[in-house]
Amino acid sequence: MVAVGEEKAEHIQKCAWENVGDVPNVPFAQYMLEKMLDAGDKVALVDGVSGEALKFSEIVDWMKRVSFGWHEAGLEAGHVVCLVTPNCIHAPAAFYAAIAASAIVTLSNPLYTPDELKRHLTESKWIVVHPLCLPGVQIRI
């Protein structure tokens, strides 16, 4: 369930730093999944306010379940998924789930103006909203 785009020479940016190795020629979702599987039960993210922590293995499990669930619900490769969320430890997992399902992700800041947020929402096939942001999104759809 990983999309592979067309690679063009004009889209490739080379790093100016010598200590950065070559970027692997695999889809981003696959690359991240492999790295997170290698990290296993190490802590990946910690919420600075609540202290809640997510391990890499938990992110992988959540990402797989959510991406397959979205696929079963009708999410198709190329659909645009709008994520409306404040900074929280669950946002990266939602992002990874969407790209693992071959979606295109647009990130919307909950502090966008009504017109900015409406543009993101109307151009998206799917909208994933953090509960704290739901009232602001509801009045714009």
C-alpha atoms as a PDB file:
ATOM      1  CA  MET A   1       0.000   0.000   0.000  1.00  0.00           C
ATOM      2  CA  VAL A   2       2.813   2.429  -0.724  1.00  0.00           C
ATOM      3  CA  ALA A   3       2.628   4.810  -3.659  1.00  0.00           C
ATOM      4  CA  VAL A   4       5.675   5.390  -5.813  1.00  0.00           C
ATOM      5  CA  GLY A   5       5.859   8.652  -7.723  1.00  0.00           C
ATOM      6  CA  GLU A   6       7.758   9.483 -10.872  1.00  0.00           C
ATOM      7  CA  GLU A   7      11.326  10.546 -10.213  1.00  0.00           C
ATOM      8  CA  LYS A   8      12.665  13.413 -12.302  1.00  0.00           C
ATOM      9  CA  ALA A   9      16.188  14.813 -12.190  1.00  0.00           C
ATOM     10  CA  GLU A  10      14.920  18.379 -11.683  1.00  0.00           C
ATOM     11  CA  HIS A  11      13.084  17.266  -8.518  1.00  0.00           C
ATOM     12  CA  ILE A  12      16.200  15.918  -6.826  1.00  0.00           C
ATOM     13  CA  GLN A  13      17.932  18.219  -4.373  1.00  0.00           C
ATOM     14  CA  LYS A  14      21.491  17.450  -3.282  1.00  0.00           C
ATOM     15  CA  CYS A  15      22.583  18.240   0.243  1.00  0.00           C
ATOM     16  CA  ALA A  16      25.403  20.756   0.592  1.00  0.00           C
ATOM     17  CA  TRP A  17      26.739  18.984   3.696  1.00  0.00           C
ATOM     18  CA  GLU A  18      29.262  16.248   3.122  1.00  0.00           C
ATOM     19  CA  ASN A  19      28.339  14.237   6.235  1.00  0.00           C
ATOM     20  CA  VAL A  20      24.829  13.409   4.966  1.00  0.00           C
ATOM     21  CA  GLY A  21      24.567  10.123   3.113  1.00  0.00           C
ATOM     22  CA  ASP A  22      22.499   9.316   0.072  1.00  0.00           C
ATOM     23  CA  VAL A  23      18.749   9.118   0.469  1.00  0.00           C
ATOM     24  CA  PRO A  24      17.541   5.530   0.013  1.00  0.00           C
ATOM     25  CA  ASN A  25      15.577   4.894  -3.156  1.00  0.00           C
ATOM     26  CA  VAL A  26      12.447   3.597  -1.407  1.00  0.00           C
ATOM     27  CA  PRO A  27       9.077   5.200  -0.719  1.00  0.00           C
ATOM     28  CA  PHE A  28       9.055   7.423   2.359  1.00  0.00           C
ATOM     29  CA  ALA A  29       6.415   5.363   4.195  1.00  0.00           C
ATOM     30  CA  GLN A  30       8.394   2.162   3.656  1.00  0.00           C
ATOM     31  CA  TYR A  31      11.628   3.805   4.809  1.00  0.00           C
ATOM     32  CA  MET A  32      10.028   5.188   7.971  1.00  0.00           C
ATOM     33  CA  LEU A  33       8.277   1.898   8.730  1.00  0.00           C
ATOM     34  CA  GLU A  34      11.575  -0.008   8.513  1.00  0.00           C
ATOM     35  CA  LYS A  35      13.335   2.513  10.793  1.00  0.00           C
ATOM     36  CA  MET A  36      10.505   2.434  13.345  1.00  0.00           C
ATOM     37  CA  LEU A  37      10.436  -1.379  13.324  1.00  0.00           C
ATOM     38  CA  ASP A  38      14.192  -1.387  13.992  1.00  0.00           C
ATOM     39  CA  ALA A  39      13.693   0.985  16.933  1.00  0.00           C
ATOM     40  CA  GLY A  40      11.026  -1.287  18.441  1.00  0.00           C
ATOM     41  CA  ASP A  41      10.146  -0.451  22.036  1.00  0.00           C
ATOM     42  CA  LYS A  42      12.297   2.651  22.322  1.00  0.00           C
ATOM     43  CA  VAL A  43      10.381   5.795  23.204  1.00  0.00           C
ATOM     44  CA  ALA A  44       9.639   7.822  20.090  1.00  0.00           C
ATOM     45  CA  LEU A  45       7.572  10.762  21.319  1.00  0.00           C
ATOM     46  CA  VAL A  46       6.778  12.273  24.710  1.00  0.00           C
ATOM     47  CA  ASP A  47       4.023  14.785  25.402  1.00  0.00           C
ATOM     48  CA  GLY A  48       5.715  17.613  27.280  1.00  0.00           C
ATOM     49  CA  VAL A  49       2.545  18.531  29.193  1.00  0.00           C
ATOM     50  CA  SER A  50       0.983  15.189  30.144  1.00  0.00           C
ATOM     51  CA  GLY A  51       4.115  13.034  30.048  1.00  0.00           C
ATOM     52  CA  GLU A  52       2.353  10.504  27.810  1.00  0.00           C
ATOM     53  CA  ALA A  53       4.877   8.559  25.744  1.00  0.00           C
ATOM     54  CA  LEU A  54       4.591   6.557  22.536  1.00  0.00           C
ATOM     55  CA  LYS A  55       7.047   3.847  21.571  1.00  0.00           C
ATOM     56  CA  PHE A  56       8.049   3.300  17.951  1.00  0.00           C
ATOM     57  CA  SER A  57       6.317  -0.093  18.042  1.00  0.00           C
ATOM     58  CA  GLU A  58       3.071   1.569  19.186  1.00  0.00           C
ATOM     59  CA  ILE A  59       3.254   4.090  16.355  1.00  0.00           C
ATOM     60  CA  VAL A  60       3.794   1.272  13.837  1.00  0.00           C
ATOM     61  CA  ASP A  61       0.841  -0.702  15.217  1.00  0.00           C
ATOM     62  CA  TRP A  62      -1.425   2.340  15.204  1.00  0.00           C
ATOM     63  CA  MET A  63      -0.244   3.389  11.738  1.00  0.00           C
ATOM     64  CA  LYS A  64      -0.986  -0.037  10.248  1.00  0.00           C
ATOM     65  CA  ARG A  65      -4.412  -0.364  11.847  1.00  0.00           C
ATOM     66  CA  VAL A  66      -5.498   3.155  10.905  1.00  0.00           C
ATOM     67  CA  SER A  67      -4.167   3.061   7.322  1.00  0.00           C
ATOM     68  CA  PHE A  68      -5.842  -0.291   6.631  1.00  0.00           C
ATOM     69  CA  GLY A  69      -9.038   0.945   8.298  1.00  0.00           C
ATOM     70  CA  TRP A  70      -9.080   4.072   6.158  1.00  0.00           C
ATOM     71  CA  HIS A  71      -8.427   1.950   3.079  1.00  0.00           C
ATOM     72  CA  GLU A  72     -11.361  -0.317   3.979  1.00  0.00           C
ATOM     73  CA  ALA A  73     -13.523   2.782   4.493  1.00  0.00           C
ATOM     74  CA  GLY A  74     -12.753   3.975   0.964  1.00  0.00           C
ATOM     75  CA  LEU A  75      -9.520   5.957   1.129  1.00  0.00           C
ATOM     76  CA  GLU A  76      -7.779   5.547  -2.215  1.00  0.00           C
ATOM     77  CA  ALA A  77      -4.308   6.388  -3.473  1.00  0.00           C
ATOM     78  CA  GLY A  78      -4.186  10.054  -4.377  1.00  0.00           C
ATOM     79  CA  HIS A  79      -7.032  11.168  -2.117  1.00  0.00           C
ATOM     80  CA  VAL A  80      -6.161  14.273  -0.142  1.00  0.00           C
ATOM     81  CA  VAL A  81      -6.306  13.876   3.643  1.00  0.00           C
ATOM     82  CA  CYS A  82      -6.411  17.088   5.648  1.00  0.00           C
ATOM     83  CA  LEU A  83      -4.987  16.781   9.167  1.00  0.00           C
ATOM     84  CA  VAL A  84      -6.222  19.513  11.495  1.00  0.00           C
ATOM     85  CA  THR A  85      -4.378  19.124  14.753  1.00  0.00           C
ATOM     86  CA  PRO A  86      -2.390  21.066  17.295  1.00  0.00           C
ATOM     87  CA  ASN A  87       1.099  19.849  18.118  1.00  0.00           C
ATOM     88  CA  CYS A  88       0.527  16.518  19.830  1.00  0.00           C
ATOM     89  CA  ILE A  89       2.249  13.149  19.888  1.00  0.00           C
ATOM     90  CA  HIS A  90      -0.515  11.509  17.845  1.00  0.00           C
ATOM     91  CA  ALA A  91      -0.175  13.841  14.844  1.00  0.00           C
ATOM     92  CA  PRO A  92       2.926  12.124  13.361  1.00  0.00           C
ATOM     93  CA  ALA A  93       1.201   8.730  13.628  1.00  0.00           C
ATOM     94  CA  ALA A  94      -1.820  10.077  11.738  1.00  0.00           C
ATOM     95  CA  PHE A  95       0.501  11.526   9.089  1.00  0.00           C
ATOM     96  CA  TYR A  96       2.314   8.182   8.669  1.00  0.00           C
ATOM     97  CA  ALA A  97      -1.015   6.322   8.483  1.00  0.00           C
ATOM     98  CA  ALA A  98      -2.203   8.579   5.675  1.00  0.00           C
ATOM     99  CA  ILE A  99       0.966   8.256   3.600  1.00  0.00           C
ATOM    100  CA  ALA A 100       1.068   4.498   4.227  1.00  0.00           C
ATOM    101  CA  ALA A 101      -2.397   4.401   2.662  1.00  0.00           C
ATOM    102  CA  SER A 102      -0.962   6.249  -0.393  1.00  0.00           C
ATOM    103  CA  ALA A 103      -2.850   9.433   0.388  1.00  0.00           C
ATOM    104  CA  ILE A 104      -1.680  12.982  -0.171  1.00  0.00           C
ATOM    105  CA  VAL A 105      -1.495  14.843   3.131  1.00  0.00           C
ATOM    106  CA  THR A 106      -2.177  18.503   3.725  1.00  0.00           C
ATOM    107  CA  LEU A 107      -1.519  19.826   7.207  1.00  0.00           C
ATOM    108  CA  SER A 108      -3.811  22.544   8.519  1.00  0.00           C
ATOM    109  CA  ASN A 109      -2.954  24.708  11.464  1.00  0.00           C
ATOM    110  CA  PRO A 110      -5.999  25.091  13.712  1.00  0.00           C
ATOM    111  CA  LEU A 111      -5.082  28.782  14.007  1.00  0.00           C
ATOM    112  CA  TYR A 112      -5.540  29.404  10.278  1.00  0.00           C
ATOM    113  CA  THR A 113      -7.971  32.127   9.313  1.00  0.00           C
ATOM    114  CA  PRO A 114     -11.440  30.878   8.330  1.00  0.00           C
ATOM    115  CA  ASP A 115     -10.645  31.351   4.625  1.00  0.00           C
ATOM    116  CA  GLU A 116      -7.315  29.494   4.877  1.00  0.00           C
ATOM    117  CA  LEU A 117      -8.858  26.583   6.726  1.00  0.00           C
ATOM    118  CA  LYS A 118     -11.871  26.433   4.410  1.00  0.00           C
ATOM    119  CA  ARG A 119      -9.576  26.176   1.365  1.00  0.00           C
ATOM    120  CA  HIS A 120      -7.796  23.176   2.911  1.00  0.00           C
ATOM    121  CA  LEU A 121     -11.050  21.532   3.889  1.00  0.00           C
ATOM    122  CA  THR A 122     -12.841  21.977   0.567  1.00  0.00           C
ATOM    123  CA  GLU A 123      -9.897  20.589  -1.421  1.00  0.00           C
ATOM    124  CA  SER A 124      -9.653  17.479   0.769  1.00  0.00           C
ATOM    125  CA  LYS A 125     -11.485  14.214   0.291  1.00  0.00           C
ATOM    126  CA  TRP A 126     -10.861  13.224   3.933  1.00  0.00           C
ATOM    127  CA  ILE A 127     -10.619  15.391   7.048  1.00  0.00           C
ATOM    128  CA  VAL A 128      -8.966  14.121  10.240  1.00  0.00           C
ATOM    129  CA  VAL A 129      -9.564  16.463  13.166  1.00  0.00           C
ATOM    130  CA  HIS A 130      -8.185  16.554  16.699  1.00  0.00           C
ATOM    131  CA  PRO A 131     -11.134  16.786  19.130  1.00  0.00           C
ATOM    132  CA  LEU A 132      -9.982  20.194  20.382  1.00  0.00           C
ATOM    133  CA  CYS A 133     -10.176  21.563  16.813  1.00  0.00           C
ATOM    134  CA  LEU A 134     -13.560  20.093  15.904  1.00  0.00           C
ATOM    135  CA  PRO A 135     -15.766  23.129  16.685  1.00  0.00           C
ATOM    136  CA  GLY A 136     -13.664  25.411  14.468  1.00  0.00           C
ATOM    137  CA  VAL A 137     -13.732  22.902  11.618  1.00  0.00           C
ATOM    138  CA  GLN A 138     -17.469  22.209  11.903  1.00  0.00           C
ATOM    139  CA  ILE A 139     -18.413  25.843  11.329  1.00  0.00           C
ATOM    140  CA  ARG A 140     -16.286  25.944   8.176  1.00  0.00           C
ATOM    141  CA  ILE A 141     -17.703  22.926   6.349  1.00  0.00           C
END
